[in-house]
C-alpha cells in the first residue's frame, strides 16, 4: 500500500460477517476485534479491496489464548476477472459511490466468487482488477444497482 494511501480489511467472527476496516498506509494503529461473549471464537481476516490497492501487512496478532488454526481442508477455487469478480461497487454502505476514491466501495467479501465459494464450502482466491475486460450489460446493471444509479 502506498504511503498515505489506504486499503480495507474485512473480518468474520464465528462465521458471521462483521465489518470492513479502513487501513491507512501512514498509520500503525492496532485493529481491535472483540466478541460479545466469552469463550472460544474463530476469526477470519480478508483483504477487501482489489489487487491494485497493494498488499496489507499484518505485523502480529495478540490476545488471550490466541492460536493459529489451519485452513480447512477443502477444494481451492481461483476466481480471475474484472470488477464484478473483485467486488467493485459491491459495498457503498460506508462511502457512497462517486465519493472519495474508486476502491472505497469495493468489498471482495461480497464479490460473486467469494459468495459462490462460501456456498460451496470451498477455499478461494480472488485475482482480479476492475476494467480488466469489457463487462457485459448484465454486469453493468449489477454495478448500477449496487450504486443506486
Protein backbone atom coordinates (compact mmCIF):
# COMPACT_ATOMS: atom_id res chain seq x y z
CA UNK A 1 0.00 0.00 0.00
CA UNK A 2 1.35 3.43 -0.89
CA UNK A 3 2.38 5.68 1.98
CA UNK A 4 -0.61 7.95 2.54
CA UNK A 5 -2.94 5.55 0.71
CA UNK A 6 -5.48 3.25 2.25
CA UNK A 7 -6.89 -0.21 1.94
CA UNK A 8 -9.56 -2.32 3.63
CA UNK A 9 -9.63 -5.44 5.76
CA UNK A 10 -12.81 -7.33 6.45
CA UNK A 11 -13.39 -9.97 9.06
CA UNK A 12 -15.73 -12.75 10.06
CA UNK A 13 -16.23 -13.76 13.67
CA UNK A 14 -17.60 -17.25 14.24
CA UNK A 15 -18.69 -17.44 10.60
CA UNK A 16 -20.62 -14.14 10.64
CA UNK A 17 -19.58 -11.12 8.57
CA UNK A 18 -18.65 -8.22 10.84
CA UNK A 19 -17.38 -5.14 9.01
CA UNK A 20 -14.77 -3.55 6.80
CA UNK A 21 -11.91 -1.75 8.49
CA UNK A 22 -10.07 1.07 6.73
CA UNK A 23 -6.29 0.62 6.99
CA UNK A 24 -4.10 3.62 6.23
CA UNK A 25 -0.54 3.38 4.91
CA UNK A 26 0.59 6.19 7.17
CA UNK A 27 -0.78 4.84 10.46
CA UNK A 28 0.30 1.96 12.63
CA UNK A 29 -2.77 1.69 14.85
CA UNK A 30 -3.95 -1.59 16.34
CA UNK A 31 -7.12 -3.14 15.00
CA UNK A 32 -9.22 -4.49 17.85
CA UNK A 33 -11.66 -7.35 17.32
CA UNK A 34 -13.95 -8.16 20.23
CA UNK A 35 -16.65 -10.77 20.73
CA UNK A 36 -19.90 -10.16 22.60
CA UNK A 37 -19.49 -13.36 24.61
CA UNK A 38 -16.57 -15.04 26.34
CA UNK A 39 -15.20 -18.40 25.27
CA UNK A 40 -13.56 -19.72 22.13
CA UNK A 41 -14.11 -17.79 18.89
CA UNK A 42 -12.85 -18.09 15.32
CA UNK A 43 -11.88 -15.02 13.30
CA UNK A 44 -11.02 -14.95 9.59
CA UNK A 45 -9.40 -11.84 8.09
CA UNK A 46 -9.78 -10.90 4.42
CA UNK A 47 -8.36 -8.17 2.23
CA UNK A 48 -11.50 -6.43 0.99
CA UNK A 49 -10.15 -4.26 -1.86
CA UNK A 50 -8.88 -5.29 -5.27
CA UNK A 51 -5.28 -6.02 -6.22
CA UNK A 52 -4.31 -2.53 -7.44
CA UNK A 53 -4.54 -1.21 -3.86
CA UNK A 54 -1.48 -3.25 -2.89
CA UNK A 55 -0.83 -5.69 -0.06
CA UNK A 56 -1.73 -5.34 3.60
CA UNK A 57 0.94 -6.43 6.04
CA UNK A 58 -0.12 -7.79 9.43
CA UNK A 59 2.71 -7.48 11.91
CA UNK A 60 1.25 -9.56 14.73
CA UNK A 61 -1.92 -10.89 16.27
CA UNK A 62 -2.24 -10.95 20.05
CA UNK A 63 -4.85 -11.88 22.62
CA UNK A 64 -5.62 -14.19 25.50
CA UNK A 65 -5.31 -17.79 24.32
CA UNK A 66 -4.93 -16.87 20.61
CA UNK A 67 -3.92 -19.85 18.48
CA UNK A 68 -3.39 -20.19 14.76
CA UNK A 69 -5.86 -22.51 13.06
CA UNK A 70 -5.35 -24.49 9.89
CA UNK A 71 -7.18 -23.54 6.75
CA UNK A 72 -9.99 -26.09 6.31
CA UNK A 73 -9.18 -28.99 4.01
CA UNK A 74 -11.36 -28.21 1.01
CA UNK A 75 -11.25 -27.65 -2.70
CA UNK A 76 -9.49 -24.41 -3.72
CA UNK A 77 -11.11 -22.29 -6.43
CA UNK A 78 -9.36 -19.31 -8.01
CA UNK A 79 -11.62 -16.64 -9.49
CA UNK A 80 -10.00 -14.34 -12.06
CA UNK A 81 -11.62 -11.48 -13.89
CA UNK A 82 -12.77 -7.91 -13.67
CA UNK A 83 -14.62 -5.63 -11.27
CA UNK A 84 -17.57 -7.93 -10.62
CA UNK A 85 -15.07 -10.65 -9.69
CA UNK A 86 -13.29 -8.46 -7.11
CA UNK A 87 -16.40 -6.84 -5.63
CA UNK A 88 -16.18 -3.43 -7.30
CA UNK A 89 -19.01 -1.15 -6.12
CA UNK A 90 -20.37 -4.00 -4.01
CA UNK A 91 -20.43 -2.07 -0.73
CA UNK A 92 -21.47 1.58 -0.76
CA UNK A 93 -22.53 1.29 2.91
CA UNK A 94 -19.74 3.50 4.27
CA UNK A 95 -18.78 5.68 1.30
CA UNK A 96 -21.43 6.39 -1.37
CA UNK A 97 -20.47 5.65 -4.98
CA UNK A 98 -18.84 8.67 -6.56
CA UNK A 99 -17.36 9.91 -3.29
CA UNK A 100 -13.68 9.74 -2.26
CA UNK A 101 -11.59 7.18 -4.20
CA UNK A 102 -12.76 4.42 -6.51
CA UNK A 103 -11.88 1.42 -4.32
CA UNK A 104 -13.76 2.75 -1.27
CA UNK A 105 -16.87 0.86 -2.40
CA UNK A 106 -15.03 -2.41 -3.07
CA UNK A 107 -15.69 -5.38 -0.85
CA UNK A 108 -14.31 -8.69 -2.05
CA UNK A 109 -16.39 -10.47 0.60
CA UNK A 110 -19.48 -9.58 -1.46
CA UNK A 111 -17.90 -10.48 -4.82
CA UNK A 112 -19.60 -13.31 -6.68
CA UNK A 113 -16.57 -15.62 -6.39
CA UNK A 114 -16.39 -15.30 -2.62
CA UNK A 115 -20.15 -15.87 -2.33
CA UNK A 116 -20.00 -18.95 -4.54
CA UNK A 117 -17.03 -20.35 -2.61
CA UNK A 118 -18.74 -19.86 0.76
CA UNK A 119 -21.92 -21.52 -0.54
CA UNK A 120 -19.86 -24.49 -1.77
CA UNK A 121 -17.77 -24.55 1.45
CA UNK A 122 -14.52 -24.28 -0.53
CA UNK A 123 -11.37 -22.22 -0.10
CA UNK A 124 -10.89 -19.44 -2.62
CA UNK A 125 -8.52 -16.90 -4.11
CA UNK A 126 -9.69 -13.83 -6.00
CA UNK A 127 -7.26 -12.42 -8.56
CA UNK A 128 -8.91 -9.59 -10.43
CA UNK A 129 -8.73 -5.93 -11.38
CA UNK A 130 -11.60 -3.66 -12.35
CA UNK A 131 -11.62 -2.76 -16.03
CA UNK A 132 -9.61 -5.83 -16.91
CA UNK A 133 -12.00 -6.59 -19.78
CA UNK A 134 -15.23 -5.31 -21.21
CA UNK A 135 -18.15 -6.06 -18.95
CA UNK A 136 -21.48 -7.36 -20.09
CA UNK A 137 -24.74 -5.43 -19.86
CA UNK A 138 -25.81 -7.75 -17.03
CA UNK A 139 -22.66 -6.86 -15.03
CA UNK A 140 -23.19 -3.15 -15.74
CA UNK A 141 -26.73 -3.42 -14.38
CA UNK A 142 -25.42 -5.17 -11.24
CA UNK A 143 -22.89 -2.37 -10.63
CA UNK A 144 -25.51 0.33 -11.27
CA UNK A 145 -27.97 -1.36 -8.91
CA UNK A 146 -25.29 -1.58 -6.19
CA UNK A 147 -24.56 2.14 -6.53
CA UNK A 148 -28.20 3.16 -6.86
CA UNK A 149 -27.74 4.66 -10.34
